[in-house]
Amino acid sequence: MKENLGLIFLVVGILLFAFLPHHNIPTKIDSINANLLHIFAFSVLSIYLYYIKKYQHKKVFLFILAIGIFIEIIQGLFTTNREASIFDILYDISSYIVVASLITIKDKLSKI
């Protein structure tokens, strides 16, 4: 359990912001474009999964995809203040793709 504390912290943080009503989110955070928040949150999660948890590309992708889909399903079915969006899932996946690409480039450059 202790070795998963960081992962739990990141996922719970993402879920809190995903399900909190807009009026409960601090104004400074809510005023930032929601798409940038998706990109930031899922980039941090991807980096954590690669470097701390040592997950492989496929496992990171599936984890990011599962969390993104889960959030959108819950928002669509159970929240009145949020709505589900396929574009949010695309932002989540895009974050993974950028991080994975940068890690791959870094690894290839380090072998030169």
PDB file of N, CA and C in Angstrom:
ATOM      1  N   MET A   1       0.821  -1.202   0.000  1.00  0.00           N
ATOM      2  CA  MET A   1       0.000   0.000   0.000  1.00  0.00           C
ATOM      3  C   MET A   1       0.863   1.263   0.000  1.00  0.00           C
ATOM      4  N   LYS A   2       1.923   1.232   0.811  1.00  0.00           N
ATOM      5  CA  LYS A   2       2.786   2.404   0.924  1.00  0.00           C
ATOM      6  C   LYS A   2       3.439   2.755  -0.422  1.00  0.00           C
ATOM      7  N   GLU A   3       3.780   1.747  -1.209  1.00  0.00           N
ATOM      8  CA  GLU A   3       4.425   1.991  -2.500  1.00  0.00           C
ATOM      9  C   GLU A   3       3.463   2.569  -3.534  1.00  0.00           C
ATOM     10  N   ASN A   4       2.166   2.493  -3.267  1.00  0.00           N
ATOM     11  CA  ASN A   4       1.164   3.038  -4.191  1.00  0.00           C
ATOM     12  C   ASN A   4       0.582   4.357  -3.710  1.00  0.00           C
ATOM     13  N   LEU A   5       1.104   4.917  -2.625  1.00  0.00           N
ATOM     14  CA  LEU A   5       0.560   6.126  -2.047  1.00  0.00           C
ATOM     15  C   LEU A   5       0.614   7.313  -3.020  1.00  0.00           C
ATOM     16  N   GLY A   6       1.714   7.471  -3.733  1.00  0.00           N
ATOM     17  CA  GLY A   6       1.847   8.557  -4.703  1.00  0.00           C
ATOM     18  C   GLY A   6       0.832   8.436  -5.822  1.00  0.00           C
ATOM     19  N   LEU A   7       0.648   7.233  -6.325  1.00  0.00           N
ATOM     20  CA  LEU A   7      -0.320   7.001  -7.390  1.00  0.00           C
ATOM     21  C   LEU A   7      -1.740   7.286  -6.903  1.00  0.00           C
ATOM     22  N   ILE A   8      -2.043   6.824  -5.708  1.00  0.00           N
ATOM     23  CA  ILE A   8      -3.365   7.075  -5.131  1.00  0.00           C
ATOM     24  C   ILE A   8      -3.586   8.577  -4.977  1.00  0.00           C
ATOM     25  N   PHE A   9      -2.579   9.280  -4.492  1.00  0.00           N
ATOM     26  CA  PHE A   9      -2.670  10.724  -4.314  1.00  0.00           C
ATOM     27  C   PHE A   9      -2.959  11.426  -5.645  1.00  0.00           C
ATOM     28  N   LEU A  10      -2.229  11.068  -6.695  1.00  0.00           N
ATOM     29  CA  LEU A  10      -2.440  11.689  -8.008  1.00  0.00           C
ATOM     30  C   LEU A  10      -3.829  11.394  -8.560  1.00  0.00           C
ATOM     31  N   VAL A  11      -4.245  10.146  -8.491  1.00  0.00           N
ATOM     32  CA  VAL A  11      -5.552   9.771  -9.049  1.00  0.00           C
ATOM     33  C   VAL A  11      -6.683  10.428  -8.263  1.00  0.00           C
ATOM     34  N   VAL A  12      -6.584  10.423  -6.942  1.00  0.00           N
ATOM     35  CA  VAL A  12      -7.627  11.069  -6.125  1.00  0.00           C
ATOM     36  C   VAL A  12      -7.672  12.568  -6.417  1.00  0.00           C
ATOM     37  N   GLY A  13      -6.519  13.196  -6.577  1.00  0.00           N
ATOM     38  CA  GLY A  13      -6.479  14.621  -6.931  1.00  0.00           C
ATOM     39  C   GLY A  13      -7.172  14.900  -8.249  1.00  0.00           C
ATOM     40  N   ILE A  14      -6.902  14.081  -9.242  1.00  0.00           N
ATOM     41  CA  ILE A  14      -7.555  14.243 -10.547  1.00  0.00           C
ATOM     42  C   ILE A  14      -9.059  14.043 -10.411  1.00  0.00           C
ATOM     43  N   LEU A  15      -9.463  13.016  -9.672  1.00  0.00           N
ATOM     44  CA  LEU A  15     -10.888  12.739  -9.499  1.00  0.00           C
ATOM     45  C   LEU A  15     -11.591  13.864  -8.745  1.00  0.00           C
ATOM     46  N   LEU A  16     -10.933  14.434  -7.746  1.00  0.00           N
ATOM     47  CA  LEU A  16     -11.534  15.556  -7.015  1.00  0.00           C
ATOM     48  C   LEU A  16     -11.855  16.713  -7.945  1.00  0.00           C
ATOM     49  N   PHE A  17     -10.877  17.100  -8.759  1.00  0.00           N
ATOM     50  CA  PHE A  17     -11.116  18.203  -9.683  1.00  0.00           C
ATOM     51  C   PHE A  17     -12.122  17.827 -10.765  1.00  0.00           C
ATOM     52  N   ALA A  18     -12.191  16.560 -11.108  1.00  0.00           N
ATOM     53  CA  ALA A  18     -13.128  16.125 -12.146  1.00  0.00           C
ATOM     54  C   ALA A  18     -14.574  16.166 -11.664  1.00  0.00           C
ATOM     55  N   PHE A  19     -14.794  15.929 -10.377  1.00  0.00           N
ATOM     56  CA  PHE A  19     -16.163  15.807  -9.876  1.00  0.00           C
ATOM     57  C   PHE A  19     -16.631  16.965  -9.015  1.00  0.00           C
ATOM     58  N   LEU A  20     -15.731  17.845  -8.596  1.00  0.00           N
ATOM     59  CA  LEU A  20     -16.155  18.994  -7.808  1.00  0.00           C
ATOM     60  C   LEU A  20     -17.015  19.928  -8.653  1.00  0.00           C
ATOM     61  N   PRO A  21     -18.070  20.460  -8.080  1.00  0.00           N
ATOM     62  CA  PRO A  21     -18.830  21.490  -8.804  1.00  0.00           C
ATOM     63  C   PRO A  21     -17.929  22.694  -9.065  1.00  0.00           C
ATOM     64  N   HIS A  22     -18.169  23.383 -10.162  1.00  0.00           N
ATOM     65  CA  HIS A  22     -17.324  24.524 -10.520  1.00  0.00           C
ATOM     66  C   HIS A  22     -17.250  25.557  -9.401  1.00  0.00           C
ATOM     67  N   HIS A  23     -18.340  25.762  -8.672  1.00  0.00           N
ATOM     68  CA  HIS A  23     -18.321  26.779  -7.615  1.00  0.00           C
ATOM     69  C   HIS A  23     -17.463  26.363  -6.417  1.00  0.00           C
ATOM     70  N   ASN A  24     -17.062  25.100  -6.332  1.00  0.00           N
ATOM     71  CA  ASN A  24     -16.184  24.641  -5.244  1.00  0.00           C
ATOM     72  C   ASN A  24     -14.709  24.641  -5.627  1.00  0.00           C
ATOM     73  N   ILE A  25     -14.425  24.874  -6.891  1.00  0.00           N
ATOM     74  CA  ILE A  25     -13.037  24.901  -7.351  1.00  0.00           C
ATOM     75  C   ILE A  25     -12.503  26.320  -7.179  1.00  0.00           C
ATOM     76  N   PRO A  26     -11.300  26.466  -6.601  1.00  0.00           N
ATOM     77  CA  PRO A  26     -10.739  27.810  -6.436  1.00  0.00           C
ATOM     78  C   PRO A  26     -10.752  28.588  -7.747  1.00  0.00           C
ATOM     79  N   THR A  27     -11.100  29.870  -7.676  1.00  0.00           N
ATOM     80  CA  THR A  27     -11.281  30.709  -8.858  1.00  0.00           C
ATOM     81  C   THR A  27     -10.052  30.720  -9.756  1.00  0.00           C
ATOM     82  N   LYS A  28      -8.865  30.792  -9.168  1.00  0.00           N
ATOM     83  CA  LYS A  28      -7.645  30.842  -9.981  1.00  0.00           C
ATOM     84  C   LYS A  28      -7.494  29.570 -10.806  1.00  0.00           C
ATOM     85  N   ILE A  29      -7.837  28.441 -10.229  1.00  0.00           N
ATOM     86  CA  ILE A  29      -7.721  27.175 -10.948  1.00  0.00           C
ATOM     87  C   ILE A  29      -8.824  27.057 -11.986  1.00  0.00           C
ATOM     88  N   ASP A  30     -10.050  27.425 -11.625  1.00  0.00           N
ATOM     89  CA  ASP A  30     -11.179  27.296 -12.539  1.00  0.00           C
ATOM     90  C   ASP A  30     -11.053  28.230 -13.734  1.00  0.00           C
ATOM     91  N   SER A  31     -10.345  29.345 -13.563  1.00  0.00           N
ATOM     92  CA  SER A  31     -10.214  30.291 -14.663  1.00  0.00           C
ATOM     93  C   SER A  31      -9.216  29.807 -15.714  1.00  0.00           C
ATOM     94  N   ILE A  32      -8.372  28.858 -15.358  1.00  0.00           N
ATOM     95  CA  ILE A  32      -7.451  28.268 -16.331  1.00  0.00           C
ATOM     96  C   ILE A  32      -8.272  27.405 -17.272  1.00  0.00           C
ATOM     97  N   ASN A  33      -7.940  27.438 -18.519  1.00  0.00           N
ATOM     98  CA  ASN A  33      -8.660  26.644 -19.502  1.00  0.00           C
ATOM     99  C   ASN A  33      -8.702  25.179 -19.055  1.00  0.00           C
ATOM    100  N   ALA A  34      -9.899  24.601 -19.029  1.00  0.00           N
ATOM    101  CA  ALA A  34     -10.086  23.217 -18.573  1.00  0.00           C
ATOM    102  C   ALA A  34      -9.246  22.237 -19.392  1.00  0.00           C
ATOM    103  N   ASN A  35      -9.049  22.538 -20.654  1.00  0.00           N
ATOM    104  CA  ASN A  35      -8.243  21.652 -21.502  1.00  0.00           C
ATOM    105  C   ASN A  35      -6.794  21.619 -21.028  1.00  0.00           C
ATOM    106  N   LEU A  36      -6.281  22.766 -20.609  1.00  0.00           N
ATOM    107  CA  LEU A  36      -4.915  22.805 -20.089  1.00  0.00           C
ATOM    108  C   LEU A  36      -4.804  22.024 -18.787  1.00  0.00           C
ATOM    109  N   LEU A  37      -5.853  22.053 -17.986  1.00  0.00           N
ATOM    110  CA  LEU A  37      -5.845  21.268 -16.750  1.00  0.00           C
ATOM    111  C   LEU A  37      -5.810  19.773 -17.046  1.00  0.00           C
ATOM    112  N   HIS A  38      -6.560  19.349 -18.068  1.00  0.00           N
ATOM    113  CA  HIS A  38      -6.513  17.936 -18.477  1.00  0.00           C
ATOM    114  C   HIS A  38      -5.098  17.573 -18.911  1.00  0.00           C
ATOM    115  N   ILE A  39      -4.519  18.400 -19.754  1.00  0.00           N
ATOM    116  CA  ILE A  39      -3.184  18.126 -20.275  1.00  0.00           C
ATOM    117  C   ILE A  39      -2.166  18.077 -19.135  1.00  0.00           C
ATOM    118  N   PHE A  40      -2.228  19.039 -18.233  1.00  0.00           N
ATOM    119  CA  PHE A  40      -1.286  19.072 -17.115  1.00  0.00           C
ATOM    120  C   PHE A  40      -1.449  17.836 -16.223  1.00  0.00           C
ATOM    121  N   ALA A  41      -2.677  17.564 -15.805  1.00  0.00           N
ATOM    122  CA  ALA A  41      -2.928  16.464 -14.862  1.00  0.00           C
ATOM    123  C   ALA A  41      -2.508  15.122 -15.447  1.00  0.00           C
ATOM    124  N   PHE A  42      -2.880  14.863 -16.686  1.00  0.00           N
ATOM    125  CA  PHE A  42      -2.579  13.559 -17.268  1.00  0.00           C
ATOM    126  C   PHE A  42      -1.119  13.455 -17.725  1.00  0.00           C
ATOM    127  N   SER A  43      -0.470  14.569 -17.983  1.00  0.00           N
ATOM    128  CA  SER A  43       0.973  14.541 -18.250  1.00  0.00           C
ATOM    129  C   SER A  43       1.733  14.175 -16.982  1.00  0.00           C
ATOM    130  N   VAL A  44       1.359  14.806 -15.869  1.00  0.00           N
ATOM    131  CA  VAL A  44       2.001  14.495 -14.588  1.00  0.00           C
ATOM    132  C   VAL A  44       1.777  13.023 -14.245  1.00  0.00           C
ATOM    133  N   LEU A  45       0.550  12.553 -14.427  1.00  0.00           N
ATOM    134  CA  LEU A  45       0.249  11.148 -14.148  1.00  0.00           C
ATOM    135  C   LEU A  45       1.071  10.222 -15.043  1.00  0.00           C
ATOM    136  N   SER A  46       1.184  10.547 -16.320  1.00  0.00           N
ATOM    137  CA  SER A  46       1.978   9.728 -17.249  1.00  0.00           C
ATOM    138  C   SER A  46       3.442   9.681 -16.840  1.00  0.00           C
ATOM    139  N   ILE A  47       3.991  10.841 -16.509  1.00  0.00           N
ATOM    140  CA  ILE A  47       5.394  10.903 -16.089  1.00  0.00           C
ATOM    141  C   ILE A  47       5.598  10.081 -14.821  1.00  0.00           C
ATOM    142  N   TYR A  48       4.688  10.190 -13.882  1.00  0.00           N
ATOM    143  CA  TYR A  48       4.775   9.415 -12.646  1.00  0.00           C
ATOM    144  C   TYR A  48       4.762   7.912 -12.948  1.00  0.00           C
ATOM    145  N   LEU A  49       3.849   7.497 -13.818  1.00  0.00           N
ATOM    146  CA  LEU A  49       3.741   6.068 -14.139  1.00  0.00           C
ATOM    147  C   LEU A  49       4.997   5.545 -14.828  1.00  0.00           C
ATOM    148  N   TYR A  50       5.621   6.368 -15.680  1.00  0.00           N
ATOM    149  CA  TYR A  50       6.849   5.948 -16.366  1.00  0.00           C
ATOM    150  C   TYR A  50       8.038   5.891 -15.419  1.00  0.00           C
ATOM    151  N   TYR A  51       8.265   6.989 -14.713  1.00  0.00           N
ATOM    152  CA  TYR A  51       9.522   7.115 -13.981  1.00  0.00           C
ATOM    153  C   TYR A  51       9.476   6.570 -12.558  1.00  0.00           C
ATOM    154  N   ILE A  52       8.351   6.648 -11.901  1.00  0.00           N
ATOM    155  CA  ILE A  52       8.271   6.160 -10.520  1.00  0.00           C
ATOM    156  C   ILE A  52       7.780   4.718 -10.486  1.00  0.00           C
ATOM    157  N   LYS A  53       6.691   4.445 -11.181  1.00  0.00           N
ATOM    158  CA  LYS A  53       6.118   3.100 -11.181  1.00  0.00           C
ATOM    159  C   LYS A  53       6.781   2.181 -12.207  1.00  0.00           C
ATOM    160  N   LYS A  54       7.550   2.750 -13.132  1.00  0.00           N
ATOM    161  CA  LYS A  54       8.278   1.987 -14.161  1.00  0.00           C
ATOM    162  C   LYS A  54       7.340   1.183 -15.073  1.00  0.00           C
ATOM    163  N   TYR A  55       6.159   1.734 -15.341  1.00  0.00           N
ATOM    164  CA  TYR A  55       5.222   1.070 -16.251  1.00  0.00           C
ATOM    165  C   TYR A  55       5.722   1.211 -17.687  1.00  0.00           C
ATOM    166  N   GLN A  56       5.399   0.237 -18.514  1.00  0.00           N
ATOM    167  CA  GLN A  56       5.727   0.281 -19.924  1.00  0.00           C
ATOM    168  C   GLN A  56       4.686   1.130 -20.667  1.00  0.00           C
ATOM    169  N   HIS A  57       5.009   1.513 -21.916  1.00  0.00           N
ATOM    170  CA  HIS A  57       4.136   2.393 -22.703  1.00  0.00           C
ATOM    171  C   HIS A  57       2.687   1.907 -22.760  1.00  0.00           C
ATOM    172  N   LYS A  58       2.501   0.643 -23.068  1.00  0.00           N
ATOM    173  CA  LYS A  58       1.144   0.112 -23.226  1.00  0.00           C
ATOM    174  C   LYS A  58       0.350   0.215 -21.925  1.00  0.00           C
ATOM    175  N   LYS A  59       0.980  -0.098 -20.818  1.00  0.00           N
ATOM    176  CA  LYS A  59       0.290  -0.060 -19.533  1.00  0.00           C
ATOM    177  C   LYS A  59      -0.061   1.377 -19.144  1.00  0.00           C
ATOM    178  N   VAL A  60       0.841   2.325 -19.414  1.00  0.00           N
ATOM    179  CA  VAL A  60       0.553   3.732 -19.128  1.00  0.00           C
ATOM    180  C   VAL A  60      -0.619   4.193 -19.977  1.00  0.00           C
ATOM    181  N   PHE A  61      -0.583   3.870 -21.263  1.00  0.00           N
ATOM    182  CA  PHE A  61      -1.671   4.268 -22.167  1.00  0.00           C
ATOM    183  C   PHE A  61      -3.007   3.715 -21.682  1.00  0.00           C
ATOM    184  N   LEU A  62      -3.051   2.446 -21.340  1.00  0.00           N
ATOM    185  CA  LEU A  62      -4.301   1.833 -20.895  1.00  0.00           C
ATOM    186  C   LEU A  62      -4.788   2.443 -19.576  1.00  0.00           C
ATOM    187  N   PHE A  63      -3.860   2.749 -18.682  1.00  0.00           N
ATOM    188  CA  PHE A  63      -4.221   3.371 -17.413  1.00  0.00           C
ATOM    189  C   PHE A  63      -4.819   4.757 -17.644  1.00  0.00           C
ATOM    190  N   ILE A  64      -4.158   5.568 -18.460  1.00  0.00           N
ATOM    191  CA  ILE A  64      -4.639   6.921 -18.779  1.00  0.00           C
ATOM    192  C   ILE A  64      -5.999   6.846 -19.464  1.00  0.00           C
ATOM    193  N   LEU A  65      -6.126   5.953 -20.418  1.00  0.00           N
ATOM    194  CA  LEU A  65      -7.395   5.791 -21.133  1.00  0.00           C
ATOM    195  C   LEU A  65      -8.513   5.369 -20.183  1.00  0.00           C
ATOM    196  N   ALA A  66      -8.236   4.420 -19.301  1.00  0.00           N
ATOM    197  CA  ALA A  66      -9.251   3.932 -18.365  1.00  0.00           C
ATOM    198  C   ALA A  66      -9.711   5.037 -17.417  1.00  0.00           C
ATOM    199  N   ILE A  67      -8.768   5.801 -16.868  1.00  0.00           N
ATOM    200  CA  ILE A  67      -9.129   6.889 -15.952  1.00  0.00           C
ATOM    201  C   ILE A  67      -9.936   7.949 -16.705  1.00  0.00           C
ATOM    202  N   GLY A  68      -9.492   8.300 -17.902  1.00  0.00           N
ATOM    203  CA  GLY A  68     -10.203   9.313 -18.697  1.00  0.00           C
ATOM    204  C   GLY A  68     -11.628   8.896 -19.028  1.00  0.00           C
ATOM    205  N   ILE A  69     -11.804   7.667 -19.465  1.00  0.00           N
ATOM    206  CA  ILE A  69     -13.144   7.169 -19.796  1.00  0.00           C
ATOM    207  C   ILE A  69     -14.004   7.085 -18.539  1.00  0.00           C
ATOM    208  N   PHE A  70     -13.437   6.591 -17.449  1.00  0.00           N
ATOM    209  CA  PHE A  70     -14.168   6.497 -16.188  1.00  0.00           C
ATOM    210  C   PHE A  70     -14.703   7.867 -15.763  1.00  0.00           C
ATOM    211  N   ILE A  71     -13.857   8.876 -15.796  1.00  0.00           N
ATOM    212  CA  ILE A  71     -14.266  10.227 -15.402  1.00  0.00           C
ATOM    213  C   ILE A  71     -15.418  10.716 -16.275  1.00  0.00           C
ATOM    214  N   GLU A  72     -15.292  10.535 -17.575  1.00  0.00           N
ATOM    215  CA  GLU A  72     -16.334  11.053 -18.470  1.00  0.00           C
ATOM    216  C   GLU A  72     -17.653  10.297 -18.304  1.00  0.00           C
ATOM    217  N   ILE A  73     -17.596   9.009 -18.062  1.00  0.00           N
ATOM    218  CA  ILE A  73     -18.829   8.242 -17.832  1.00  0.00           C
ATOM    219  C   ILE A  73     -19.509   8.720 -16.551  1.00  0.00           C
ATOM    220  N   ILE A  74     -18.739   8.858 -15.490  1.00  0.00           N
ATOM    221  CA  ILE A  74     -19.309   9.318 -14.219  1.00  0.00           C
ATOM    222  C   ILE A  74     -19.867  10.733 -14.361  1.00  0.00           C
ATOM    223  N   GLN A  75     -19.135  11.612 -15.033  1.00  0.00           N
ATOM    224  CA  GLN A  75     -19.630  12.974 -15.233  1.00  0.00           C
ATOM    225  C   GLN A  75     -20.929  12.973 -16.044  1.00  0.00           C
ATOM    226  N   GLY A  76     -21.000  12.133 -17.047  1.00  0.00           N
ATOM    227  CA  GLY A  76     -22.196  12.077 -17.883  1.00  0.00           C
ATOM    228  C   GLY A  76     -23.399  11.490 -17.177  1.00  0.00           C
ATOM    229  N   LEU A  77     -23.174  10.509 -16.330  1.00  0.00           N
ATOM    230  CA  LEU A  77     -24.293   9.811 -15.687  1.00  0.00           C
ATOM    231  C   LEU A  77     -24.725  10.413 -14.353  1.00  0.00           C
ATOM    232  N   PHE A  78     -23.778  10.910 -13.578  1.00  0.00           N
ATOM    233  CA  PHE A  78     -24.085  11.228 -12.189  1.00  0.00           C
ATOM    234  C   PHE A  78     -23.880  12.673 -11.758  1.00  0.00           C
ATOM    235  N   THR A  79     -23.347  13.520 -12.588  1.00  0.00           N
ATOM    236  CA  THR A  79     -23.148  14.905 -12.157  1.00  0.00           C
ATOM    237  C   THR A  79     -24.081  15.824 -12.921  1.00  0.00           C
ATOM    238  N   THR A  80     -24.548  16.848 -12.233  1.00  0.00           N
ATOM    239  CA  THR A  80     -25.419  17.825 -12.885  1.00  0.00           C
ATOM    240  C   THR A  80     -24.650  19.077 -13.278  1.00  0.00           C
ATOM    241  N   ASN A  81     -23.474  19.241 -12.713  1.00  0.00           N
ATOM    242  CA  ASN A  81     -22.687  20.440 -12.961  1.00  0.00           C
ATOM    243  C   ASN A  81     -21.575  20.235 -13.986  1.00  0.00           C
ATOM    244  N   ARG A  82     -21.405  19.019 -14.449  1.00  0.00           N
ATOM    245  CA  ARG A  82     -20.363  18.693 -15.434  1.00  0.00           C
ATOM    246  C   ARG A  82     -20.998  17.884 -16.549  1.00  0.00           C
ATOM    247  N   GLU A  83     -20.380  17.901 -17.688  1.00  0.00           N
ATOM    248  CA  GLU A  83     -20.884  17.072 -18.776  1.00  0.00           C
ATOM    249  C   GLU A  83     -19.749  16.255 -19.379  1.00  0.00           C
ATOM    250  N   ALA A  84     -20.111  15.087 -19.860  1.00  0.00           N
ATOM    251  CA  ALA A  84     -19.122  14.198 -20.480  1.00  0.00           C
ATOM    252  C   ALA A  84     -18.720  14.767 -21.837  1.00  0.00           C
ATOM    253  N   SER A  85     -17.462  14.548 -22.196  1.00  0.00           N
ATOM    254  CA  SER A  85     -16.968  15.038 -23.476  1.00  0.00           C
ATOM    255  C   SER A  85     -15.892  14.093 -24.010  1.00  0.00           C
ATOM    256  N   ILE A  86     -16.085  13.672 -25.227  1.00  0.00           N
ATOM    257  CA  ILE A  86     -15.075  12.840 -25.882  1.00  0.00           C
ATOM    258  C   ILE A  86     -13.777  13.630 -26.062  1.00  0.00           C
ATOM    259  N   PHE A  87     -13.896  14.949 -26.168  1.00  0.00           N
ATOM    260  CA  PHE A  87     -12.709  15.783 -26.342  1.00  0.00           C
ATOM    261  C   PHE A  87     -11.825  15.757 -25.093  1.00  0.00           C
ATOM    262  N   ASP A  88     -12.438  15.633 -23.919  1.00  0.00           N
ATOM    263  CA  ASP A  88     -11.640  15.525 -22.696  1.00  0.00           C
ATOM    264  C   ASP A  88     -10.791  14.254 -22.718  1.00  0.00           C
ATOM    265  N   ILE A  89     -11.373  13.165 -23.202  1.00  0.00           N
ATOM    266  CA  ILE A  89     -10.614  11.915 -23.324  1.00  0.00           C
ATOM    267  C   ILE A  89      -9.481  12.089 -24.333  1.00  0.00           C
ATOM    268  N   LEU A  90      -9.750  12.799 -25.401  1.00  0.00           N
ATOM    269  CA  LEU A  90      -8.705  13.056 -26.404  1.00  0.00           C
ATOM    270  C   LEU A  90      -7.575  13.905 -25.821  1.00  0.00           C
ATOM    271  N   TYR A  91      -7.908  14.870 -24.970  1.00  0.00           N
ATOM    272  CA  TYR A  91      -6.862  15.660 -24.301  1.00  0.00           C
ATOM    273  C   TYR A  91      -6.032  14.772 -23.376  1.00  0.00           C
ATOM    274  N   ASP A  92      -6.696  13.858 -22.679  1.00  0.00           N
ATOM    275  CA  ASP A  92      -5.984  12.939 -21.790  1.00  0.00           C
ATOM    276  C   ASP A  92      -5.011  12.068 -22.590  1.00  0.00           C
ATOM    277  N   ILE A  93      -5.495  11.516 -23.684  1.00  0.00           N
ATOM    278  CA  ILE A  93      -4.657  10.661 -24.535  1.00  0.00           C
ATOM    279  C   ILE A  93      -3.535  11.476 -25.177  1.00  0.00           C
ATOM    280  N   SER A  94      -3.845  12.702 -25.580  1.00  0.00           N
ATOM    281  CA  SER A  94      -2.822  13.575 -26.178  1.00  0.00           C
ATOM    282  C   SER A  94      -1.692  13.833 -25.192  1.00  0.00           C
ATOM    283  N   SER A  95      -2.057  14.002 -23.939  1.00  0.00           N
ATOM    284  CA  SER A  95      -1.036  14.204 -22.902  1.00  0.00           C
ATOM    285  C   SER A  95      -0.104  13.008 -22.844  1.00  0.00           C
ATOM    286  N   TYR A  96      -0.700  11.819 -22.857  1.00  0.00           N
ATOM    287  CA  TYR A  96       0.102  10.600 -22.851  1.00  0.00           C
ATOM    288  C   TYR A  96       1.019  10.547 -24.081  1.00  0.00           C
ATOM    289  N   ILE A  97       0.474  10.855 -25.250  1.00  0.00           N
ATOM    290  CA  ILE A  97       1.255  10.772 -26.493  1.00  0.00           C
ATOM    291  C   ILE A  97       2.452  11.721 -26.449  1.00  0.00           C
ATOM    292  N   VAL A  98       2.242  12.937 -25.961  1.00  0.00           N
ATOM    293  CA  VAL A  98       3.349  13.899 -25.873  1.00  0.00           C
ATOM    294  C   VAL A  98       4.418  13.395 -24.903  1.00  0.00           C
ATOM    295  N   VAL A  99       4.004  12.942 -23.728  1.00  0.00           N
ATOM    296  CA  VAL A  99       4.963  12.436 -22.742  1.00  0.00           C
ATOM    297  C   VAL A  99       5.695  11.215 -23.283  1.00  0.00           C
ATOM    298  N   ALA A 100       4.965  10.282 -23.868  1.00  0.00           N
ATOM    299  CA  ALA A 100       5.591   9.074 -24.422  1.00  0.00           C
ATOM    300  C   ALA A 100       6.576   9.429 -25.527  1.00  0.00           C
ATOM    301  N   SER A 101       6.216  10.377 -26.368  1.00  0.00           N
ATOM    302  CA  SER A 101       7.112  10.800 -27.452  1.00  0.00           C
ATOM    303  C   SER A 101       8.386  11.425 -26.894  1.00  0.00           C
ATOM    304  N   LEU A 102       8.243  12.290 -25.917  1.00  0.00           N
ATOM    305  CA  LEU A 102       9.415  12.932 -25.317  1.00  0.00           C
ATOM    306  C   LEU A 102      10.317  11.917 -24.623  1.00  0.00           C
ATOM    307  N   ILE A 103       9.717  10.956 -23.951  1.00  0.00           N
ATOM    308  CA  ILE A 103      10.509   9.918 -23.279  1.00  0.00           C
ATOM    309  C   ILE A 103      11.234   9.063 -24.308  1.00  0.00           C
ATOM    310  N   THR A 104      10.566   8.705 -25.386  1.00  0.00           N
ATOM    311  CA  THR A 104      11.182   7.906 -26.447  1.00  0.00           C
ATOM    312  C   THR A 104      12.336   8.664 -27.088  1.00  0.00           C
ATOM    313  N   ILE A 105      12.137   9.947 -27.376  1.00  0.00           N
ATOM    314  CA  ILE A 105      13.204  10.766 -27.964  1.00  0.00           C
ATOM    315  C   ILE A 105      14.389  10.858 -27.005  1.00  0.00           C
ATOM    316  N   LYS A 106      14.099  11.107 -25.721  1.00  0.00           N
ATOM    317  CA  LYS A 106      15.154  11.197 -24.709  1.00  0.00           C
ATOM    318  C   LYS A 106      15.949   9.892 -24.644  1.00  0.00           C
ATOM    319  N   ASP A 107      15.241   8.764 -24.645  1.00  0.00           N
ATOM    320  CA  ASP A 107      15.924   7.471 -24.583  1.00  0.00           C
ATOM    321  C   ASP A 107      16.793   7.227 -25.814  1.00  0.00           C
ATOM    322  N   LYS A 108      16.299   7.589 -26.985  1.00  0.00           N
ATOM    323  CA  LYS A 108      17.092   7.404 -28.205  1.00  0.00           C
ATOM    324  C   LYS A 108      18.305   8.321 -28.240  1.00  0.00           C
ATOM    325  N   LEU A 109      18.132   9.548 -27.780  1.00  0.00           N
ATOM    326  CA  LEU A 109      19.256  10.481 -27.754  1.00  0.00           C
ATOM    327  C   LEU A 109      20.319  10.069 -26.740  1.00  0.00           C
ATOM    328  N   SER A 110      19.895   9.470 -25.655  1.00  0.00           N
ATOM    329  CA  SER A 110      20.861   9.051 -24.638  1.00  0.00           C
ATOM    330  C   SER A 110      21.708   7.860 -25.102  1.00  0.00           C
ATOM    331  N   LYS A 111      21.235   7.147 -26.123  1.00  0.00           N
ATOM    332  CA  LYS A 111      22.000   6.008 -26.654  1.00  0.00           C
ATOM    333  C   LYS A 111      23.014   6.446 -27.694  1.00  0.00           C
ATOM    334  N   ILE A 112      22.928   7.675 -28.130  1.00  0.00           N
ATOM    335  CA  ILE A 112      23.854   8.178 -29.160  1.00  0.00           C
ATOM    336  C   ILE A 112      25.164   8.565 -28.538  1.00  0.00           C
TER     337      ILE A 112
END
